[in-house]
């Protein structure tokens, strides 16, 4: 069994969705002074590689602490969407790949945008699902979650976040800012995206990990 870390580390000066307060990491206690180490860390619930709960954008959406643990774990696959950089992922792409993902719990979209992490290009022209594609996923799939190696499933200048709303309304978790998806394209594996247990959380960073058979 091979473990693939799909998470960006949380650190100061890391990329964040525009308007998000920066990460602060402070040495509260130092070994040289106190005989032990402890840090104080400040970040928002949508920092780094994280999962969005329906409560993030739905008035009556469920929070993460009210979601069963088995919803954060299950069979997954990665679809290569690099051909759709700068445009929408059409419904016919999902129709053509349906046999690959029809029995999985999680679909992860590989755009290759993790290579722009820390660069302004990360926020530009990444592929997003079309409305019809999102609706098709919710109709044909019984997904626990949809993830990508991009900042959002909606375009950067979106005002109403239609893809967020369609996925969340269908009970689908959204996992953003994944990395290292390239080696898992078209493969089947087990995905783990457990968040911390925090009451009323609308989202939280996760240590996203793929458990894959050795190649």
N, C-alpha and C. Protein backbone atom coordinates (compact mmCIF):
# COMPACT_ATOMS: atom_id res chain seq x y z
N UNK A 1 0.84 -1.19 0.00
CA UNK A 1 0.00 0.00 0.00
C UNK A 1 0.88 1.25 0.00
N UNK A 2 0.53 2.21 -0.82
CA UNK A 2 1.28 3.46 -0.92
C UNK A 2 0.41 4.61 -0.41
N UNK A 3 0.98 5.46 0.42
CA UNK A 3 0.29 6.63 0.93
C UNK A 3 0.75 7.86 0.16
N UNK A 4 -0.21 8.60 -0.40
CA UNK A 4 0.11 9.80 -1.16
C UNK A 4 -0.50 11.00 -0.45
N UNK A 5 0.35 11.91 -0.01
CA UNK A 5 -0.13 13.11 0.68
C UNK A 5 -0.65 14.09 -0.37
N UNK A 6 -1.91 14.45 -0.26
CA UNK A 6 -2.56 15.34 -1.23
C UNK A 6 -2.77 16.74 -0.66
N UNK A 7 -2.05 17.06 0.42
CA UNK A 7 -2.29 18.30 1.16
C UNK A 7 -1.11 19.27 1.05
N UNK A 8 -1.43 20.54 0.95
CA UNK A 8 -0.42 21.59 1.09
C UNK A 8 -0.21 21.86 2.59
N UNK A 9 1.01 22.09 3.02
CA UNK A 9 1.24 22.42 4.43
C UNK A 9 0.70 23.80 4.77
N UNK A 10 0.22 23.94 5.99
CA UNK A 10 -0.23 25.24 6.48
C UNK A 10 0.99 25.99 7.02
N UNK A 11 1.18 27.19 6.52
CA UNK A 11 2.33 28.01 6.93
C UNK A 11 2.03 29.48 6.68
N UNK A 12 2.79 30.34 7.30
CA UNK A 12 2.61 31.76 7.07
C UNK A 12 3.00 32.10 5.63
N UNK A 13 2.36 33.11 5.08
CA UNK A 13 2.61 33.57 3.71
C UNK A 13 2.12 32.57 2.66
N UNK A 14 1.27 31.64 3.03
CA UNK A 14 0.74 30.68 2.06
C UNK A 14 -0.36 31.32 1.22
N UNK A 15 -0.65 30.76 0.04
CA UNK A 15 -1.74 31.30 -0.79
C UNK A 15 -3.09 31.12 -0.09
N UNK A 16 -3.94 32.13 -0.22
CA UNK A 16 -5.27 32.11 0.37
C UNK A 16 -6.26 32.75 -0.59
N UNK A 17 -7.51 32.36 -0.47
CA UNK A 17 -8.55 33.00 -1.28
C UNK A 17 -8.54 34.49 -0.99
N UNK A 18 -8.59 35.34 -2.02
CA UNK A 18 -8.53 36.79 -1.80
C UNK A 18 -9.50 37.27 -0.72
N UNK A 19 -8.99 38.05 0.19
CA UNK A 19 -9.79 38.57 1.29
C UNK A 19 -9.68 37.76 2.57
N UNK A 20 -9.08 36.57 2.49
CA UNK A 20 -8.93 35.71 3.67
C UNK A 20 -7.79 36.22 4.55
N UNK A 21 -8.01 36.35 5.85
CA UNK A 21 -6.93 36.78 6.74
C UNK A 21 -5.74 35.83 6.68
N UNK A 22 -4.55 36.37 6.79
CA UNK A 22 -3.34 35.56 6.67
C UNK A 22 -3.16 34.63 7.86
N UNK A 23 -2.41 33.58 7.64
CA UNK A 23 -2.08 32.60 8.69
C UNK A 23 -1.04 33.21 9.63
N UNK A 24 -1.24 33.01 10.92
CA UNK A 24 -0.27 33.48 11.92
C UNK A 24 0.18 32.28 12.76
N UNK A 25 1.47 32.08 12.86
CA UNK A 25 2.03 31.00 13.67
C UNK A 25 3.04 31.61 14.64
N UNK A 26 2.76 31.47 15.91
CA UNK A 26 3.55 32.13 16.95
C UNK A 26 4.09 31.10 17.94
N UNK A 27 5.38 31.21 18.25
CA UNK A 27 5.99 30.34 19.28
C UNK A 27 5.56 30.85 20.65
N UNK A 28 4.53 30.23 21.19
CA UNK A 28 4.00 30.65 22.48
C UNK A 28 4.95 30.28 23.61
N UNK A 29 5.47 29.06 23.53
CA UNK A 29 6.46 28.60 24.52
C UNK A 29 7.64 27.99 23.77
N UNK A 30 8.84 28.31 24.20
CA UNK A 30 10.05 27.85 23.54
C UNK A 30 10.83 26.94 24.48
N UNK A 31 11.43 25.93 23.89
CA UNK A 31 12.15 24.95 24.70
C UNK A 31 13.28 25.60 25.49
N UNK A 32 13.97 26.56 24.88
CA UNK A 32 15.11 27.20 25.54
C UNK A 32 14.70 27.97 26.78
N UNK A 33 13.45 28.48 26.79
CA UNK A 33 12.97 29.28 27.91
C UNK A 33 12.07 28.52 28.87
N UNK A 34 11.29 27.58 28.33
CA UNK A 34 10.23 26.96 29.13
C UNK A 34 10.40 25.46 29.32
N UNK A 35 11.32 24.87 28.57
CA UNK A 35 11.54 23.43 28.69
C UNK A 35 10.58 22.61 27.84
N UNK A 36 9.74 23.27 27.05
CA UNK A 36 8.84 22.57 26.11
C UNK A 36 8.44 23.55 25.01
N UNK A 37 7.82 23.02 23.97
CA UNK A 37 7.42 23.84 22.84
C UNK A 37 5.90 23.81 22.67
N UNK A 38 5.32 24.95 22.36
CA UNK A 38 3.90 25.03 22.01
C UNK A 38 3.69 26.25 21.14
N UNK A 39 2.95 26.05 20.03
CA UNK A 39 2.69 27.14 19.10
C UNK A 39 1.23 27.58 19.18
N UNK A 40 1.01 28.83 18.90
CA UNK A 40 -0.34 29.37 18.73
C UNK A 40 -0.53 29.64 17.25
N UNK A 41 -1.59 29.05 16.68
CA UNK A 41 -1.82 29.15 15.24
C UNK A 41 -3.20 29.76 14.99
N UNK A 42 -3.24 30.76 14.12
CA UNK A 42 -4.49 31.42 13.77
C UNK A 42 -4.71 31.30 12.26
N UNK A 43 -5.83 30.71 11.89
CA UNK A 43 -6.20 30.64 10.48
C UNK A 43 -7.71 30.47 10.37
N UNK A 44 -8.25 30.71 9.18
CA UNK A 44 -9.69 30.57 8.97
C UNK A 44 -10.03 29.12 8.65
N UNK A 45 -11.31 28.84 8.64
CA UNK A 45 -11.77 27.47 8.40
C UNK A 45 -11.57 27.02 6.95
N UNK A 46 -11.23 27.95 6.06
CA UNK A 46 -11.06 27.61 4.64
C UNK A 46 -9.62 27.90 4.19
N UNK A 47 -8.70 27.46 5.00
CA UNK A 47 -7.28 27.66 4.75
C UNK A 47 -6.66 26.41 4.14
N UNK A 48 -5.83 26.59 3.13
CA UNK A 48 -5.08 25.49 2.55
C UNK A 48 -5.95 24.39 1.98
N UNK A 49 -5.48 23.16 2.05
CA UNK A 49 -6.27 22.01 1.62
C UNK A 49 -7.38 21.80 2.64
N UNK A 50 -8.61 22.01 2.22
CA UNK A 50 -9.71 22.00 3.19
C UNK A 50 -10.98 21.45 2.57
N UNK A 51 -11.91 21.12 3.43
CA UNK A 51 -13.22 20.63 2.99
C UNK A 51 -14.28 21.67 3.36
N UNK A 52 -15.18 21.93 2.40
CA UNK A 52 -16.32 22.82 2.63
C UNK A 52 -17.52 21.99 3.06
N UNK A 53 -18.15 22.40 4.14
CA UNK A 53 -19.43 21.81 4.53
C UNK A 53 -20.56 22.55 3.81
N UNK A 54 -21.72 21.92 3.64
CA UNK A 54 -22.87 22.64 3.06
C UNK A 54 -23.19 23.95 3.79
N UNK A 55 -22.89 24.01 5.09
CA UNK A 55 -23.17 25.22 5.86
C UNK A 55 -22.35 26.42 5.39
N UNK A 56 -21.31 26.16 4.61
CA UNK A 56 -20.46 27.26 4.11
C UNK A 56 -21.27 28.24 3.27
N UNK A 57 -22.20 27.72 2.46
CA UNK A 57 -22.93 28.60 1.54
C UNK A 57 -24.43 28.37 1.49
N UNK A 58 -24.93 27.43 2.27
CA UNK A 58 -26.37 27.19 2.31
C UNK A 58 -26.92 27.64 3.66
N UNK A 59 -28.00 28.39 3.64
CA UNK A 59 -28.56 28.95 4.88
C UNK A 59 -28.86 27.88 5.91
N UNK A 60 -29.37 26.73 5.46
CA UNK A 60 -29.71 25.65 6.38
C UNK A 60 -28.80 24.44 6.19
N UNK A 61 -27.60 24.69 5.65
CA UNK A 61 -26.66 23.61 5.39
C UNK A 61 -26.08 23.01 6.65
N UNK A 62 -25.75 21.73 6.59
CA UNK A 62 -25.21 21.02 7.74
C UNK A 62 -23.75 21.41 7.96
N UNK A 63 -23.33 21.45 9.22
CA UNK A 63 -21.94 21.72 9.56
C UNK A 63 -21.15 20.41 9.64
N UNK A 64 -19.84 20.52 9.60
CA UNK A 64 -19.00 19.32 9.52
C UNK A 64 -19.19 18.38 10.71
N UNK A 65 -19.39 18.93 11.90
CA UNK A 65 -19.52 18.08 13.08
C UNK A 65 -20.80 17.25 13.08
N UNK A 66 -21.74 17.58 12.18
CA UNK A 66 -23.00 16.83 12.10
C UNK A 66 -23.00 15.85 10.93
N UNK A 67 -21.85 15.69 10.29
CA UNK A 67 -21.73 14.77 9.17
C UNK A 67 -21.06 13.49 9.65
N UNK A 68 -21.62 12.33 9.29
CA UNK A 68 -21.08 11.04 9.72
C UNK A 68 -19.64 10.88 9.24
N UNK A 69 -18.82 10.23 10.06
CA UNK A 69 -17.40 10.07 9.74
C UNK A 69 -17.17 9.32 8.44
N UNK A 70 -18.07 8.40 8.10
CA UNK A 70 -17.84 7.63 6.86
C UNK A 70 -17.98 8.49 5.61
N UNK A 71 -18.47 9.72 5.74
CA UNK A 71 -18.59 10.61 4.59
C UNK A 71 -17.24 11.22 4.20
N UNK A 72 -16.24 11.04 5.05
CA UNK A 72 -14.92 11.60 4.78
C UNK A 72 -13.91 10.55 4.32
N UNK A 73 -14.41 9.40 3.93
CA UNK A 73 -13.53 8.27 3.61
C UNK A 73 -14.22 7.38 2.58
N UNK A 74 -13.47 6.94 1.56
CA UNK A 74 -14.09 6.04 0.60
C UNK A 74 -13.33 5.94 -0.70
N UNK A 75 -13.82 5.09 -1.62
CA UNK A 75 -13.15 4.90 -2.91
C UNK A 75 -13.20 6.17 -3.75
N UNK A 76 -12.11 6.40 -4.48
CA UNK A 76 -11.98 7.63 -5.25
C UNK A 76 -11.23 7.38 -6.55
N UNK A 77 -11.35 8.34 -7.45
CA UNK A 77 -10.56 8.33 -8.67
C UNK A 77 -10.24 9.76 -9.06
N UNK A 78 -9.24 9.92 -9.94
CA UNK A 78 -8.83 11.24 -10.42
C UNK A 78 -9.10 11.33 -11.92
N UNK A 79 -9.77 12.40 -12.33
CA UNK A 79 -10.02 12.68 -13.74
C UNK A 79 -9.08 13.79 -14.20
N UNK A 80 -8.48 13.61 -15.36
CA UNK A 80 -7.55 14.59 -15.92
C UNK A 80 -8.34 15.66 -16.69
N UNK A 81 -8.34 16.88 -16.16
CA UNK A 81 -9.10 17.97 -16.79
C UNK A 81 -8.17 19.07 -17.31
N UNK A 82 -6.92 18.73 -17.57
CA UNK A 82 -5.97 19.73 -18.05
C UNK A 82 -6.35 20.32 -19.40
N UNK A 83 -7.09 19.58 -20.20
CA UNK A 83 -7.52 20.10 -21.50
C UNK A 83 -8.52 21.24 -21.38
N UNK A 84 -9.05 21.45 -20.18
CA UNK A 84 -10.10 22.46 -20.01
C UNK A 84 -9.61 23.70 -19.26
N UNK A 85 -8.30 23.87 -19.19
CA UNK A 85 -7.76 25.09 -18.57
C UNK A 85 -8.27 26.30 -19.33
N UNK A 86 -8.81 27.26 -18.60
CA UNK A 86 -9.32 28.48 -19.21
C UNK A 86 -10.74 28.36 -19.71
N UNK A 87 -11.39 27.23 -19.45
CA UNK A 87 -12.77 27.06 -19.90
C UNK A 87 -13.51 26.10 -18.98
N UNK A 88 -14.77 25.87 -19.29
CA UNK A 88 -15.59 24.99 -18.47
C UNK A 88 -15.38 23.53 -18.86
N UNK A 89 -15.51 22.65 -17.87
CA UNK A 89 -15.51 21.22 -18.12
C UNK A 89 -16.91 20.83 -18.56
N UNK A 90 -17.08 20.36 -19.80
CA UNK A 90 -18.43 20.12 -20.32
C UNK A 90 -19.04 18.84 -19.80
N UNK A 91 -20.34 18.76 -19.90
CA UNK A 91 -21.06 17.57 -19.43
C UNK A 91 -20.66 16.34 -20.23
N UNK A 92 -20.32 16.50 -21.52
CA UNK A 92 -19.98 15.32 -22.32
C UNK A 92 -18.68 14.66 -21.86
N UNK A 93 -17.80 15.43 -21.21
CA UNK A 93 -16.60 14.82 -20.64
C UNK A 93 -16.97 13.87 -19.51
N UNK A 94 -17.89 14.28 -18.65
CA UNK A 94 -18.32 13.42 -17.56
C UNK A 94 -19.12 12.22 -18.07
N UNK A 95 -19.89 12.44 -19.11
CA UNK A 95 -20.62 11.33 -19.72
C UNK A 95 -19.66 10.30 -20.30
N UNK A 96 -18.58 10.77 -20.93
CA UNK A 96 -17.61 9.87 -21.55
C UNK A 96 -16.80 9.10 -20.52
N UNK A 97 -16.63 9.67 -19.33
CA UNK A 97 -15.83 9.01 -18.28
C UNK A 97 -16.69 8.34 -17.22
N UNK A 98 -17.98 8.26 -17.46
CA UNK A 98 -18.91 7.78 -16.45
C UNK A 98 -18.57 6.39 -15.92
N UNK A 99 -18.14 5.49 -16.80
CA UNK A 99 -17.81 4.13 -16.36
C UNK A 99 -16.68 4.13 -15.34
N UNK A 100 -15.81 5.13 -15.41
CA UNK A 100 -14.67 5.20 -14.49
C UNK A 100 -15.10 5.62 -13.09
N UNK A 101 -16.06 6.53 -13.00
CA UNK A 101 -16.38 7.09 -11.69
C UNK A 101 -17.76 6.71 -11.14
N UNK A 102 -18.49 5.89 -11.85
CA UNK A 102 -19.87 5.63 -11.44
C UNK A 102 -20.00 4.94 -10.08
N UNK A 103 -18.95 4.24 -9.63
CA UNK A 103 -19.04 3.51 -8.36
C UNK A 103 -18.17 4.11 -7.25
N UNK A 104 -17.56 5.27 -7.49
CA UNK A 104 -16.69 5.85 -6.46
C UNK A 104 -17.49 6.80 -5.57
N UNK A 105 -16.90 7.12 -4.42
CA UNK A 105 -17.49 8.10 -3.51
C UNK A 105 -16.95 9.51 -3.74
N UNK A 106 -15.71 9.57 -4.29
CA UNK A 106 -15.06 10.87 -4.49
C UNK A 106 -14.48 10.96 -5.90
N UNK A 107 -14.71 12.08 -6.53
CA UNK A 107 -14.04 12.41 -7.79
C UNK A 107 -13.10 13.59 -7.52
N UNK A 108 -11.84 13.43 -7.92
CA UNK A 108 -10.87 14.50 -7.79
C UNK A 108 -10.46 14.94 -9.19
N UNK A 109 -10.40 16.24 -9.41
CA UNK A 109 -10.11 16.80 -10.72
C UNK A 109 -8.67 17.31 -10.76
N UNK A 110 -7.89 16.74 -11.70
CA UNK A 110 -6.48 17.09 -11.84
C UNK A 110 -6.31 18.11 -12.96
N UNK A 111 -6.00 19.33 -12.59
CA UNK A 111 -5.75 20.39 -13.57
C UNK A 111 -4.26 20.69 -13.71
N UNK A 112 -3.46 20.24 -12.74
CA UNK A 112 -2.05 20.57 -12.72
C UNK A 112 -1.77 21.93 -12.11
N UNK A 113 -2.81 22.57 -11.57
CA UNK A 113 -2.63 23.93 -11.05
C UNK A 113 -1.86 23.98 -9.74
N UNK A 114 -1.63 22.85 -9.10
CA UNK A 114 -0.83 22.87 -7.88
C UNK A 114 0.59 23.35 -8.17
N UNK A 115 1.02 23.28 -9.44
CA UNK A 115 2.37 23.77 -9.77
C UNK A 115 2.45 25.29 -9.66
N UNK A 116 1.29 25.97 -9.63
CA UNK A 116 1.25 27.42 -9.48
C UNK A 116 1.06 27.86 -8.02
N UNK A 117 1.07 26.91 -7.10
CA UNK A 117 0.86 27.24 -5.67
C UNK A 117 1.91 28.27 -5.24
N UNK A 118 1.45 29.39 -4.72
CA UNK A 118 2.35 30.47 -4.32
C UNK A 118 2.60 31.48 -5.43
N UNK A 119 1.93 31.29 -6.58
CA UNK A 119 2.10 32.18 -7.73
C UNK A 119 0.73 32.77 -8.08
N UNK A 120 0.70 33.96 -8.61
CA UNK A 120 -0.57 34.61 -8.95
C UNK A 120 -1.35 33.84 -10.02
N UNK A 121 -0.65 33.01 -10.80
CA UNK A 121 -1.33 32.22 -11.84
C UNK A 121 -2.31 31.22 -11.24
N UNK A 122 -2.11 30.88 -9.97
CA UNK A 122 -2.99 29.91 -9.31
C UNK A 122 -4.44 30.38 -9.30
N UNK A 123 -4.64 31.68 -9.35
CA UNK A 123 -5.98 32.25 -9.24
C UNK A 123 -6.61 32.58 -10.60
N UNK A 124 -5.97 32.15 -11.70
CA UNK A 124 -6.43 32.54 -13.03
C UNK A 124 -6.74 31.31 -13.90
N UNK A 125 -7.86 31.35 -14.57
CA UNK A 125 -8.18 30.46 -15.70
C UNK A 125 -8.17 28.97 -15.37
N UNK A 126 -8.30 28.60 -14.11
CA UNK A 126 -8.37 27.17 -13.77
C UNK A 126 -9.70 26.60 -14.27
N UNK A 127 -9.72 25.30 -14.61
CA UNK A 127 -10.96 24.72 -15.14
C UNK A 127 -12.02 24.56 -14.05
N UNK A 128 -13.27 24.78 -14.44
CA UNK A 128 -14.41 24.60 -13.53
C UNK A 128 -15.50 23.81 -14.25
N UNK A 129 -16.32 23.14 -13.51
CA UNK A 129 -17.45 22.43 -14.09
C UNK A 129 -18.45 23.40 -14.70
N UNK A 130 -19.04 23.02 -15.82
CA UNK A 130 -20.19 23.76 -16.32
C UNK A 130 -21.39 23.44 -15.42
N UNK A 131 -22.40 24.26 -15.50
CA UNK A 131 -23.62 24.02 -14.74
C UNK A 131 -24.21 22.65 -15.08
N UNK A 132 -24.26 22.34 -16.38
CA UNK A 132 -24.81 21.06 -16.81
C UNK A 132 -23.96 19.89 -16.28
N UNK A 133 -22.65 20.07 -16.24
CA UNK A 133 -21.78 19.01 -15.72
C UNK A 133 -22.01 18.78 -14.24
N UNK A 134 -22.15 19.87 -13.48
CA UNK A 134 -22.43 19.75 -12.05
C UNK A 134 -23.77 19.07 -11.81
N UNK A 135 -24.77 19.44 -12.60
CA UNK A 135 -26.08 18.81 -12.47
C UNK A 135 -26.03 17.32 -12.82
N UNK A 136 -25.23 16.99 -13.83
CA UNK A 136 -25.09 15.58 -14.23
C UNK A 136 -24.45 14.77 -13.10
N UNK A 137 -23.44 15.33 -12.46
CA UNK A 137 -22.80 14.64 -11.33
C UNK A 137 -23.81 14.36 -10.22
N UNK A 138 -24.63 15.34 -9.92
CA UNK A 138 -25.59 15.18 -8.84
C UNK A 138 -26.72 14.23 -9.20
N UNK A 139 -26.98 14.09 -10.50
CA UNK A 139 -28.04 13.19 -10.96
C UNK A 139 -27.54 11.76 -11.06
N UNK A 140 -26.34 11.59 -11.63
CA UNK A 140 -25.81 10.25 -11.92
C UNK A 140 -24.96 9.68 -10.80
N UNK A 141 -24.28 10.53 -10.09
CA UNK A 141 -23.38 10.06 -9.04
C UNK A 141 -24.00 10.17 -7.67
N UNK A 142 -23.56 9.32 -6.76
CA UNK A 142 -23.95 9.44 -5.35
C UNK A 142 -22.69 9.79 -4.58
N UNK A 143 -22.17 10.96 -4.90
CA UNK A 143 -20.85 11.34 -4.41
C UNK A 143 -20.87 11.84 -2.97
N UNK A 144 -19.84 11.43 -2.24
CA UNK A 144 -19.60 12.04 -0.94
C UNK A 144 -18.87 13.37 -1.11
N UNK A 145 -18.03 13.45 -2.14
CA UNK A 145 -17.28 14.68 -2.32
C UNK A 145 -16.67 14.83 -3.69
N UNK A 146 -16.43 16.09 -4.06
CA UNK A 146 -15.71 16.45 -5.28
C UNK A 146 -14.54 17.33 -4.88
N UNK A 147 -13.35 16.99 -5.35
CA UNK A 147 -12.17 17.76 -5.00
C UNK A 147 -11.39 18.19 -6.23
N UNK A 148 -10.50 19.16 -6.04
CA UNK A 148 -9.66 19.62 -7.14
C UNK A 148 -8.38 20.24 -6.59
N UNK A 149 -7.40 20.39 -7.49
CA UNK A 149 -6.14 21.04 -7.13
C UNK A 149 -6.20 22.52 -7.50
N UNK A 150 -7.36 23.13 -7.27
CA UNK A 150 -7.58 24.55 -7.56
C UNK A 150 -8.17 25.24 -6.34
N UNK A 151 -8.27 26.56 -6.43
CA UNK A 151 -8.74 27.37 -5.32
C UNK A 151 -10.24 27.26 -5.07
N UNK A 152 -11.01 26.89 -6.13
CA UNK A 152 -12.46 26.88 -6.01
C UNK A 152 -13.09 26.11 -7.16
N UNK A 153 -14.27 25.52 -6.95
CA UNK A 153 -15.00 24.92 -8.08
C UNK A 153 -15.73 25.95 -8.92
N UNK A 154 -15.76 27.20 -8.47
CA UNK A 154 -16.36 28.30 -9.23
C UNK A 154 -15.26 29.23 -9.73
N UNK A 155 -15.56 29.98 -10.78
CA UNK A 155 -14.59 30.92 -11.32
C UNK A 155 -14.28 31.99 -10.27
N UNK A 156 -13.11 32.60 -10.43
CA UNK A 156 -12.61 33.51 -9.42
C UNK A 156 -13.50 34.72 -9.21
N UNK A 157 -14.14 35.22 -10.27
CA UNK A 157 -14.97 36.42 -10.14
C UNK A 157 -16.44 36.11 -9.96
N UNK A 158 -16.75 34.87 -9.55
CA UNK A 158 -18.15 34.50 -9.36
C UNK A 158 -18.79 35.33 -8.25
N UNK A 159 -20.03 35.72 -8.49
CA UNK A 159 -20.77 36.49 -7.49
C UNK A 159 -21.75 35.62 -6.71
N UNK A 160 -22.21 34.52 -7.33
CA UNK A 160 -23.23 33.70 -6.67
C UNK A 160 -22.82 32.24 -6.49
N UNK A 161 -21.63 31.85 -6.92
CA UNK A 161 -21.05 30.52 -6.67
C UNK A 161 -22.02 29.38 -7.02
N UNK A 162 -22.43 29.30 -8.29
CA UNK A 162 -23.44 28.30 -8.65
C UNK A 162 -22.98 26.86 -8.49
N UNK A 163 -21.71 26.57 -8.73
CA UNK A 163 -21.24 25.18 -8.60
C UNK A 163 -21.19 24.78 -7.13
N UNK A 164 -20.72 25.65 -6.28
CA UNK A 164 -20.79 25.39 -4.84
C UNK A 164 -22.22 25.02 -4.44
N UNK A 165 -23.17 25.84 -4.85
CA UNK A 165 -24.55 25.63 -4.43
C UNK A 165 -25.13 24.33 -4.96
N UNK A 166 -24.85 23.99 -6.21
CA UNK A 166 -25.39 22.76 -6.77
C UNK A 166 -24.82 21.53 -6.07
N UNK A 167 -23.51 21.53 -5.84
CA UNK A 167 -22.89 20.38 -5.18
C UNK A 167 -23.36 20.25 -3.74
N UNK A 168 -23.35 21.35 -3.02
CA UNK A 168 -23.74 21.32 -1.61
C UNK A 168 -25.21 20.97 -1.43
N UNK A 169 -26.04 21.44 -2.34
CA UNK A 169 -27.47 21.12 -2.25
C UNK A 169 -27.71 19.63 -2.44
N UNK A 170 -26.79 18.96 -3.14
CA UNK A 170 -26.87 17.52 -3.32
C UNK A 170 -26.16 16.74 -2.23
N UNK A 171 -25.71 17.43 -1.17
CA UNK A 171 -25.03 16.76 -0.07
C UNK A 171 -23.59 16.41 -0.35
N UNK A 172 -23.01 17.04 -1.36
CA UNK A 172 -21.65 16.72 -1.78
C UNK A 172 -20.65 17.66 -1.10
N UNK A 173 -19.67 17.09 -0.41
CA UNK A 173 -18.60 17.88 0.16
C UNK A 173 -17.72 18.42 -0.96
N UNK A 174 -17.06 19.55 -0.72
CA UNK A 174 -16.13 20.13 -1.68
C UNK A 174 -14.76 20.20 -1.04
N UNK A 175 -13.76 19.66 -1.74
CA UNK A 175 -12.39 19.65 -1.23
C UNK A 175 -11.54 20.50 -2.15
N UNK A 176 -10.94 21.54 -1.61
CA UNK A 176 -10.19 22.51 -2.41
C UNK A 176 -8.71 22.48 -2.08
N UNK A 177 -7.91 22.94 -3.06
CA UNK A 177 -6.46 23.09 -2.89
C UNK A 177 -5.74 21.76 -2.63
N UNK A 178 -6.12 20.73 -3.37
CA UNK A 178 -5.40 19.47 -3.30
C UNK A 178 -4.09 19.58 -4.09
N UNK A 179 -3.21 18.61 -3.92
CA UNK A 179 -1.96 18.58 -4.66
C UNK A 179 -1.54 17.12 -4.91
N UNK A 180 -0.57 16.93 -5.80
CA UNK A 180 -0.02 15.60 -6.09
C UNK A 180 -1.04 14.63 -6.67
N UNK A 181 -1.96 15.14 -7.47
CA UNK A 181 -2.98 14.26 -8.06
C UNK A 181 -2.48 13.56 -9.32
N UNK A 182 -1.42 14.06 -9.92
CA UNK A 182 -0.98 13.56 -11.21
C UNK A 182 -0.70 12.08 -11.27
N UNK A 183 -0.11 11.52 -10.20
CA UNK A 183 0.24 10.10 -10.20
C UNK A 183 -0.97 9.20 -10.01
N UNK A 184 -2.13 9.79 -9.75
CA UNK A 184 -3.34 9.01 -9.46
C UNK A 184 -4.39 9.10 -10.57
N UNK A 185 -4.06 9.75 -11.67
CA UNK A 185 -5.02 9.90 -12.76
C UNK A 185 -5.47 8.53 -13.27
N UNK A 186 -6.78 8.38 -13.39
CA UNK A 186 -7.42 7.16 -13.91
C UNK A 186 -7.21 5.93 -13.03
N UNK A 187 -6.76 6.12 -11.82
CA UNK A 187 -6.56 5.00 -10.90
C UNK A 187 -7.64 4.99 -9.84
N UNK A 188 -7.86 3.82 -9.25
CA UNK A 188 -8.78 3.68 -8.13
C UNK A 188 -7.96 3.60 -6.84
N UNK A 189 -8.42 4.29 -5.81
CA UNK A 189 -7.72 4.30 -4.53
C UNK A 189 -8.72 4.69 -3.45
N UNK A 190 -8.27 4.68 -2.23
CA UNK A 190 -9.11 5.10 -1.10
C UNK A 190 -8.68 6.48 -0.64
N UNK A 191 -9.63 7.37 -0.47
CA UNK A 191 -9.35 8.74 -0.04
C UNK A 191 -9.78 8.95 1.40
N UNK A 192 -8.94 9.65 2.15
CA UNK A 192 -9.25 10.04 3.52
C UNK A 192 -9.12 11.56 3.64
N UNK A 193 -10.19 12.22 4.09
CA UNK A 193 -10.17 13.68 4.23
C UNK A 193 -10.83 14.09 5.56
N UNK A 194 -10.38 13.49 6.64
CA UNK A 194 -10.98 13.77 7.95
C UNK A 194 -10.58 15.15 8.46
N UNK A 195 -11.56 15.96 8.86
CA UNK A 195 -11.26 17.26 9.49
C UNK A 195 -11.16 17.10 11.01
N UNK A 196 -10.68 18.14 11.67
CA UNK A 196 -10.74 18.19 13.12
C UNK A 196 -12.20 18.21 13.58
N UNK A 197 -12.42 17.82 14.83
CA UNK A 197 -13.76 17.84 15.39
C UNK A 197 -13.99 19.19 16.07
N UNK A 198 -14.60 20.12 15.33
CA UNK A 198 -14.89 21.46 15.84
C UNK A 198 -16.37 21.74 15.63
N UNK A 199 -17.05 22.14 16.67
CA UNK A 199 -18.49 22.34 16.60
C UNK A 199 -18.84 23.49 15.63
N UNK A 200 -19.89 23.25 14.86
CA UNK A 200 -20.47 24.24 13.97
C UNK A 200 -19.50 24.73 12.88
N UNK A 201 -18.58 23.85 12.48
CA UNK A 201 -17.60 24.24 11.47
C UNK A 201 -18.21 24.24 10.08
N UNK A 202 -18.04 25.36 9.36
CA UNK A 202 -18.52 25.47 7.98
C UNK A 202 -17.48 24.93 6.99
N UNK A 203 -16.32 24.62 7.48
CA UNK A 203 -15.22 24.07 6.70
C UNK A 203 -14.03 23.92 7.61
N UNK A 204 -13.05 23.12 7.19
CA UNK A 204 -11.84 22.95 8.00
C UNK A 204 -10.70 22.40 7.13
N UNK A 205 -9.46 22.78 7.43
CA UNK A 205 -8.34 22.13 6.78
C UNK A 205 -8.35 20.63 7.06
N UNK A 206 -7.86 19.86 6.08
CA UNK A 206 -7.78 18.40 6.23
C UNK A 206 -6.39 17.94 5.81
N UNK A 207 -5.99 16.79 6.32
CA UNK A 207 -4.81 16.09 5.80
C UNK A 207 -5.34 15.07 4.80
N UNK A 208 -5.46 15.48 3.55
CA UNK A 208 -6.00 14.60 2.52
C UNK A 208 -4.94 13.58 2.12
N UNK A 209 -5.30 12.32 2.19
CA UNK A 209 -4.36 11.23 1.91
C UNK A 209 -5.01 10.19 1.00
N UNK A 210 -4.29 9.77 -0.02
CA UNK A 210 -4.73 8.68 -0.89
C UNK A 210 -4.01 7.41 -0.48
N UNK A 211 -4.76 6.33 -0.32
CA UNK A 211 -4.20 5.01 -0.04
C UNK A 211 -4.34 4.19 -1.31
N UNK A 212 -3.22 4.01 -2.01
CA UNK A 212 -3.24 3.39 -3.34
C UNK A 212 -2.37 2.14 -3.37
N UNK A 213 -2.76 1.18 -4.19
CA UNK A 213 -1.93 0.00 -4.40
C UNK A 213 -0.63 0.42 -5.08
N UNK A 214 0.44 -0.29 -4.79
CA UNK A 214 1.72 -0.02 -5.44
C UNK A 214 1.59 -0.25 -6.93
N UNK A 215 2.24 0.61 -7.72
CA UNK A 215 2.19 0.48 -9.17
C UNK A 215 3.18 -0.60 -9.63
